[in-house]
Protein backbone atom coordinates (compact mmCIF):
# COMPACT_ATOMS: atom_id res chain seq x y z
CA MET A 1 16.34 21.99 -14.43
CA SER A 2 19.72 20.32 -14.15
CA SER A 3 18.52 17.25 -16.07
CA GLY A 4 17.44 19.52 -18.93
CA LEU A 5 20.88 21.08 -19.03
CA ASN A 6 22.44 17.67 -18.76
CA ASN A 7 20.44 16.51 -21.81
CA LEU A 8 21.44 19.66 -23.67
CA PHE A 9 25.11 19.01 -22.97
CA LYS A 10 24.72 15.36 -24.09
CA PHE A 11 23.09 16.58 -27.30
CA ALA A 12 25.91 19.05 -27.92
CA LYS A 13 28.55 16.41 -27.14
CA HIS A 14 27.03 13.81 -29.48
CA LYS A 15 25.66 16.22 -32.12
CA ASP A 16 27.28 14.32 -35.00
CA GLU A 17 25.42 11.14 -34.02
CA PHE A 18 22.08 12.95 -33.89
CA LEU A 19 22.62 14.27 -37.43
CA TYR A 20 22.10 10.73 -38.72
CA LEU A 21 18.40 11.20 -37.90
CA ARG A 22 18.12 13.47 -40.97
CA GLU A 23 18.70 10.43 -43.15
CA ILE A 24 15.55 8.64 -41.94
CA SER A 25 12.77 8.70 -44.52
CA ALA A 26 9.12 9.23 -43.62
CA VAL A 27 8.39 5.55 -44.32
CA GLN A 28 11.18 4.46 -41.96
CA PHE A 29 9.90 6.87 -39.32
CA PHE A 30 6.39 5.41 -39.45
CA ILE A 31 7.74 1.85 -39.38
CA ILE A 32 9.81 2.62 -36.27
CA THR A 33 6.81 4.35 -34.69
CA ALA A 34 4.61 1.35 -35.43
CA VAL A 35 7.17 -1.04 -33.97
CA VAL A 36 7.47 1.07 -30.79
CA ILE A 37 3.68 1.24 -30.36
CA ALA A 38 3.33 -2.50 -31.01
CA SER A 39 6.01 -3.23 -28.38
CA ILE A 40 4.27 -1.03 -25.82
CA ILE A 41 0.95 -2.80 -26.47
CA THR A 42 2.65 -6.22 -26.28
CA ASN A 43 4.34 -5.27 -23.00
CA ALA A 44 0.99 -3.98 -21.71
CA SER A 45 -0.69 -7.31 -22.37
CA LYS A 46 2.12 -9.16 -20.66
CA LEU A 47 1.93 -6.83 -17.65
CA LYS A 48 -1.84 -7.29 -17.47
CA ALA A 49 -1.47 -11.07 -17.53
CA LEU A 50 1.24 -10.90 -14.87
CA ALA A 51 -0.82 -8.65 -12.64
CA GLY A 52 -3.84 -10.89 -13.17
CA SER A 53 -1.91 -13.85 -11.82
CA TYR A 54 -1.65 -11.95 -8.54
CA ASN A 55 -5.38 -11.03 -8.63
CA ILE A 56 -4.58 -7.39 -9.40
CA LYS A 57 -7.11 -5.82 -11.71
CA LEU A 58 -5.74 -3.01 -13.87
CA LYS A 59 -7.62 -0.81 -16.32
CA ASN A 60 -6.38 -0.67 -19.92
CA GLY A 61 -5.16 2.92 -19.46
CA GLU A 62 -3.22 1.94 -16.36
CA VAL A 63 -1.55 -0.96 -18.12
CA LEU A 64 -0.62 1.09 -21.16
CA GLY A 65 0.76 3.89 -18.92
CA LEU A 66 2.77 1.42 -16.87
CA SER A 67 4.09 -0.21 -20.04
CA SER A 68 5.04 3.20 -21.53
CA ILE A 69 6.86 4.29 -18.38
CA THR A 70 8.67 0.93 -18.13
CA THR A 71 9.76 1.11 -21.78
CA SER A 72 10.89 4.71 -21.42
CA LEU A 73 12.94 4.03 -18.30
CA ASN A 74 14.49 0.92 -19.81
CA ASN A 75 15.52 2.99 -22.86
CA PHE A 76 16.82 5.80 -20.65
CA PHE A 77 18.99 3.56 -18.50
CA SER A 78 20.29 1.50 -21.42
CA ARG A 79 21.40 4.65 -23.24
CA ARG A 80 22.81 6.05 -19.99
CA VAL A 81 25.17 3.05 -19.88
CA LEU A 82 26.18 3.71 -23.47
CA PHE A 83 27.01 7.36 -22.78
CA SER A 84 28.70 6.73 -19.44
CA PRO A 85 32.53 6.87 -19.23
CA ARG A 86 34.28 3.55 -19.60
CA ILE A 87 36.11 2.19 -16.58
CA ILE A 88 38.50 0.01 -18.55
């Protein structure tokens, strides 16, 4: 529950930045969606090849799930760095 509240506070704190999402057209939205899906599929094929080099057999669903989770966590932590307080 605390992470949900934390996200809500982040949204409230950076509300002006989220308002820029209104300016995205439907075409831009679908292009961004296609790029994200293509990157997940590309990462999945790389993960499957890497796992295959260690004789690990993964199903297509497992590889896509692993790729999705990896991409989501990479995005989460990269944005966390952006929103963290600066030391300097």
